[in-house]
C-alpha atoms as a PDB file:
ATOM      1  CA  MET A   1       0.000   0.000   0.000  1.00  0.00           C
ATOM      2  CA  SER A   2       1.447   3.350  -0.933  1.00  0.00           C
ATOM      3  CA  ALA A   3       2.184   6.200   1.454  1.00  0.00           C
ATOM      4  CA  ALA A   4      -0.245   8.460  -0.426  1.00  0.00           C
ATOM      5  CA  LEU A   5      -3.106   5.983  -0.086  1.00  0.00           C
ATOM      6  CA  LEU A   6      -2.444   5.587   3.637  1.00  0.00           C
ATOM      7  CA  ALA A   7      -2.272   9.369   4.058  1.00  0.00           C
ATOM      8  CA  PHE A   8      -5.633   9.670   2.286  1.00  0.00           C
ATOM      9  CA  LEU A   9      -7.171   6.966   4.475  1.00  0.00           C
ATOM     10  CA  HIS A  10      -5.745   8.603   7.606  1.00  0.00           C
ATOM     11  CA  HIS A  11      -7.245  11.978   6.683  1.00  0.00           C
ATOM     12  CA  ALA A  12     -10.556  10.441   5.600  1.00  0.00           C
ATOM     13  CA  CYS A  13     -10.902   8.745   8.994  1.00  0.00           C
ATOM     14  CA  ALA A  14     -10.107  12.001  10.785  1.00  0.00           C
ATOM     15  CA  PHE A  15     -12.731  13.892   8.771  1.00  0.00           C
ATOM     16  CA  LEU A  16     -15.261  11.115   9.386  1.00  0.00           C
ATOM     17  CA  ILE A  17     -14.648  11.379  13.126  1.00  0.00           C
ATOM     18  CA  VAL A  18     -15.339  15.115  13.016  1.00  0.00           C
ATOM     19  CA  ALA A  19     -18.427  14.554  10.844  1.00  0.00           C
ATOM     20  CA  THR A  20     -19.913  11.910  13.140  1.00  0.00           C
ATOM     21  CA  LEU A  21     -19.326  14.099  16.185  1.00  0.00           C
ATOM     22  CA  MET A  22     -21.044  17.012  14.455  1.00  0.00           C
ATOM     23  CA  VAL A  23     -24.041  14.798  13.641  1.00  0.00           C
ATOM     24  CA  GLU A  24     -24.129  13.604  17.261  1.00  0.00           C
ATOM     25  CA  LEU A  25     -23.986  17.214  18.458  1.00  0.00           C
ATOM     26  CA  VAL A  26     -26.865  18.332  16.212  1.00  0.00           C
ATOM     27  CA  VAL A  27     -29.060  15.275  16.778  1.00  0.00           C
ATOM     28  CA  SER A  28     -28.548  15.280  20.555  1.00  0.00           C
ATOM     29  CA  LYS A  29     -29.836  18.857  20.755  1.00  0.00           C
ATOM     30  CA  GLN A  30     -33.328  17.940  19.589  1.00  0.00           C
ATOM     31  CA  MET A  31     -36.019  15.957  21.372  1.00  0.00           C
ATOM     32  CA  LEU A  32     -35.150  12.252  21.272  1.00  0.00           C
ATOM     33  CA  ASN A  33     -37.301   9.858  19.236  1.00  0.00           C
ATOM     34  CA  LEU A  34     -36.717   6.353  17.875  1.00  0.00           C
ATOM     35  CA  THR A  35     -35.123   7.618  14.679  1.00  0.00           C
ATOM     36  CA  SER A  36     -32.778  10.092  16.352  1.00  0.00           C
ATOM     37  CA  ALA A  37     -31.781   7.597  19.074  1.00  0.00           C
ATOM     38  CA  ARG A  38     -30.950   4.985  16.435  1.00  0.00           C
ATOM     39  CA  SER A  39     -29.034   7.595  14.461  1.00  0.00           C
ATOM     40  CA  LEU A  40     -26.950   8.505  17.517  1.00  0.00           C
ATOM     41  CA  LEU A  41     -26.163   4.851  18.141  1.00  0.00           C
ATOM     42  CA  ARG A  42     -25.144   4.345  14.490  1.00  0.00           C
ATOM     43  CA  MET A  43     -23.055   7.513  14.368  1.00  0.00           C
ATOM     44  CA  ASP A  44     -21.241   6.470  17.520  1.00  0.00           C
ATOM     45  CA  ALA A  45     -20.463   3.080  15.954  1.00  0.00           C
ATOM     46  CA  VAL A  46     -19.080   4.813  12.835  1.00  0.00           C
ATOM     47  CA  TYR A  47     -17.062   7.063  15.146  1.00  0.00           C
ATOM     48  CA  GLY A  48     -15.567   4.039  16.927  1.00  0.00           C
ATOM     49  CA  ILE A  49     -14.722   2.234  13.695  1.00  0.00           C
ATOM     50  CA  SER A  50     -13.169   5.389  12.229  1.00  0.00           C
ATOM     51  CA  ALA A  51     -11.097   6.029  15.352  1.00  0.00           C
ATOM     52  CA  SER A  52      -9.877   2.430  15.403  1.00  0.00           C
ATOM     53  CA  LEU A  53      -8.926   2.551  11.741  1.00  0.00           C
ATOM     54  CA  LEU A  54      -7.235   5.919  12.269  1.00  0.00           C
ATOM     55  CA  ILE A  55      -5.044   4.385  14.975  1.00  0.00           C
ATOM     56  CA  VAL A  56      -4.049   1.401  12.836  1.00  0.00           C
ATOM     57  CA  VAL A  57      -3.305   3.534   9.784  1.00  0.00           C
ATOM     58  CA  GLY A  58      -1.444   6.087  11.912  1.00  0.00           C
ATOM     59  CA  ILE A  59       0.785   3.399  13.398  1.00  0.00           C
ATOM     60  CA  LEU A  60       1.525   2.021   9.925  1.00  0.00           C
ATOM     61  CA  ARG A  61       2.365   5.499   8.647  1.00  0.00           C
ATOM     62  CA  VAL A  62       4.695   6.272  11.560  1.00  0.00           C
ATOM     63  CA  GLN A  63       6.396   2.878  11.512  1.00  0.00           C
ATOM     64  CA  TYR A  64       6.724   2.138   7.793  1.00  0.00           C
ATOM     65  CA  PHE A  65       5.558   4.851   5.400  1.00  0.00           C
ATOM     66  CA  GLU A  66       6.610   8.296   6.560  1.00  0.00           C
ATOM     67  CA  LYS A  67       9.606   9.766   8.376  1.00  0.00           C
ATOM     68  CA  GLY A  68      10.004   6.950  10.903  1.00  0.00           C
ATOM     69  CA  PRO A  69       9.349   6.645  14.628  1.00  0.00           C
ATOM     70  CA  SER A  70      12.457   8.596  15.695  1.00  0.00           C
ATOM     71  CA  TYR A  71      11.212  11.706  13.863  1.00  0.00           C
ATOM     72  CA  TYR A  72       7.736  11.534  15.382  1.00  0.00           C
ATOM     73  CA  LEU A  73       8.838  10.619  18.893  1.00  0.00           C
ATOM     74  CA  HIS A  74      11.097  13.695  18.906  1.00  0.00           C
ATOM     75  CA  SER A  75       8.307  16.047  17.874  1.00  0.00           C
ATOM     76  CA  THR A  76       6.473  18.006  20.561  1.00  0.00           C
ATOM     77  CA  PRO A  77       3.425  18.602  18.314  1.00  0.00           C
ATOM     78  CA  PHE A  78       3.206  14.864  17.558  1.00  0.00           C
ATOM     79  CA  LEU A  79       3.366  13.978  21.244  1.00  0.00           C
ATOM     80  CA  LEU A  80       0.726  16.615  22.027  1.00  0.00           C
ATOM     81  CA  LYS A  81      -1.392  15.237  19.204  1.00  0.00           C
ATOM     82  CA  MET A  82      -1.220  11.760  20.742  1.00  0.00           C
ATOM     83  CA  ILE A  83      -2.130  13.128  24.189  1.00  0.00           C
ATOM     84  CA  PHE A  84      -5.085  15.019  22.692  1.00  0.00           C
ATOM     85  CA  PHE A  85      -6.209  11.892  20.813  1.00  0.00           C
ATOM     86  CA  LEU A  86      -6.075   9.874  24.023  1.00  0.00           C
ATOM     87  CA  ALA A  87      -8.093  12.587  25.779  1.00  0.00           C
ATOM     88  CA  VAL A  88     -10.673  12.530  22.957  1.00  0.00           C
ATOM     89  CA  GLY A  89     -10.955   8.764  23.361  1.00  0.00           C
ATOM     90  CA  LEU A  90     -11.471   9.080  27.104  1.00  0.00           C
ATOM     91  CA  LEU A  91     -14.033  11.855  26.639  1.00  0.00           C
ATOM     92  CA  SER A  92     -15.955   9.690  24.173  1.00  0.00           C
ATOM     93  CA  ILE A  93     -16.653   7.057  26.828  1.00  0.00           C
ATOM     94  CA  TYR A  94     -19.525   8.933  28.471  1.00  0.00           C
ATOM     95  CA  PRO A  95     -21.558   9.596  25.283  1.00  0.00           C
ATOM     96  CA  THR A  96     -20.887   6.057  24.056  1.00  0.00           C
ATOM     97  CA  LYS A  97     -22.043   4.504  27.334  1.00  0.00           C
ATOM     98  CA  THR A  98     -25.144   6.706  27.226  1.00  0.00           C
ATOM     99  CA  PHE A  99     -25.994   5.696  23.654  1.00  0.00           C
ATOM    100  CA  LEU A 100     -25.279   1.999  24.274  1.00  0.00           C
ATOM    101  CA  SER A 101     -27.594   2.020  27.295  1.00  0.00           C
ATOM    102  CA  TRP A 102     -30.463   2.603  24.877  1.00  0.00           C
ATOM    103  CA  ARG A 103     -30.086  -0.688  22.983  1.00  0.00           C
ATOM    104  CA  ARG A 104     -32.738  -2.614  24.925  1.00  0.00           C
ATOM    105  CA  SER A 105     -35.293   0.206  24.621  1.00  0.00           C
ATOM    106  CA  LEU A 106     -34.618   0.514  20.903  1.00  0.00           C
ATOM    107  CA  ARG A 107     -34.937  -3.261  20.412  1.00  0.00           C
ATOM    108  CA  ASP A 108     -38.317  -3.057  22.139  1.00  0.00           C
ATOM    109  CA  GLY A 109     -39.368  -0.180  19.873  1.00  0.00           C
ATOM    110  CA  GLN A 110     -39.382   2.330  22.726  1.00  0.00           C
ATOM    111  CA  THR A 111     -37.818   5.759  22.745  1.00  0.00           C
ATOM    112  CA  PRO A 112     -35.052   5.845  25.349  1.00  0.00           C
ATOM    113  CA  SER A 113     -35.039   8.610  27.923  1.00  0.00           C
ATOM    114  CA  LEU A 114     -32.535  11.429  27.790  1.00  0.00           C
ATOM    115  CA  ASP A 115     -33.049  13.895  30.625  1.00  0.00           C
ATOM    116  CA  ASP A 116     -31.821  17.473  30.258  1.00  0.00           C
ATOM    117  CA  SER A 117     -28.874  16.961  32.607  1.00  0.00           C
ATOM    118  CA  THR A 118     -27.595  13.955  30.657  1.00  0.00           C
ATOM    119  CA  ARG A 119     -28.211  15.721  27.339  1.00  0.00           C
ATOM    120  CA  ARG A 120     -26.138  18.720  28.494  1.00  0.00           C
ATOM    121  CA  LYS A 121     -23.360  16.448  29.728  1.00  0.00           C
ATOM    122  CA  VAL A 122     -23.273  14.422  26.484  1.00  0.00           C
ATOM    123  CA  ARG A 123     -23.150  17.622  24.431  1.00  0.00           C
ATOM    124  CA  MET A 124     -20.425  19.104  26.650  1.00  0.00           C
ATOM    125  CA  PHE A 125     -18.264  16.006  26.133  1.00  0.00           C
ATOM    126  CA  ILE A 126     -18.823  16.164  22.363  1.00  0.00           C
ATOM    127  CA  HIS A 127     -17.874  19.869  22.335  1.00  0.00           C
ATOM    128  CA  LEU A 128     -14.671  19.055  24.222  1.00  0.00           C
ATOM    129  CA  GLU A 129     -13.855  16.239  21.799  1.00  0.00           C
ATOM    130  CA  LEU A 130     -14.313  18.557  18.811  1.00  0.00           C
ATOM    131  CA  THR A 131     -12.166  21.246  20.418  1.00  0.00           C
ATOM    132  CA  LEU A 132      -9.335  18.777  20.988  1.00  0.00           C
ATOM    133  CA  LEU A 133      -9.657  17.445  17.439  1.00  0.00           C
ATOM    134  CA  PHE A 134      -9.136  20.970  16.110  1.00  0.00           C
ATOM    135  CA  ALA A 135      -6.124  21.376  18.405  1.00  0.00           C
ATOM    136  CA  MET A 136      -4.815  18.133  16.882  1.00  0.00           C
ATOM    137  CA  MET A 137      -5.077  19.683  13.414  1.00  0.00           C
ATOM    138  CA  LEU A 138      -2.855  22.548  14.555  1.00  0.00           C
ATOM    139  CA  CYS A 139      -0.374  20.024  15.963  1.00  0.00           C
ATOM    140  CA  ALA A 140      -0.401  18.115  12.672  1.00  0.00           C
ATOM    141  CA  ALA A 141       0.368  21.287  10.706  1.00  0.00           C
ATOM    142  CA  LEU A 142       3.244  22.185  13.051  1.00  0.00           C
ATOM    143  CA  MET A 143       4.581  18.643  13.005  1.00  0.00           C
ATOM    144  CA  ALA A 144       4.525  18.433   9.206  1.00  0.00           C
ATOM    145  CA  ARG A 145       6.713  21.535   9.047  1.00  0.00           C
ATOM    146  CA  GLY A 146       9.196  20.268  11.636  1.00  0.00           C
ATOM    147  CA  ILE A 147       8.220  22.908  14.188  1.00  0.00           C
ATOM    148  CA  GLY A 148       8.785  21.774  17.754  1.00  0.00           C
ATOM    149  CA  SER A 149      11.227  18.970  17.043  1.00  0.00           C
ATOM    150  CA  PHE A 150      13.778  18.188  19.715  1.00  0.00           C
ATOM    151  CA  GLY A 151      16.686  15.793  20.207  1.00  0.00           C
END
């Protein structure tokens, strides 16, 4: 597989993560019904698959297709990017657990409950995830230009 194809796949996964979070943000603002609850569950699954694929492709790029691990591990923006990605993953746990808790209700054809407090908390976590993803884009731009390298 070529470096260009892996770069494309890496970026496509990143954009898909942002897109699914934006859908989750918009859909979670409205009153929950069967369709919107199912949509949130599906979007969160796409988010998880995209994030997993992003990790695998990113590891392949670092290890075999780009500048090599020593370049990336001596780059402050890269290390910050990894910390931000880990934080995004940890922040995603709460919305995912909330959405997964609806599976039984959805199987039974019932609209799950989403009280205002939980809705606000889910949306706050999604906002934080999106903010960190944009910070990651800044890190990626700095890293690509060799800014912040050490050692």
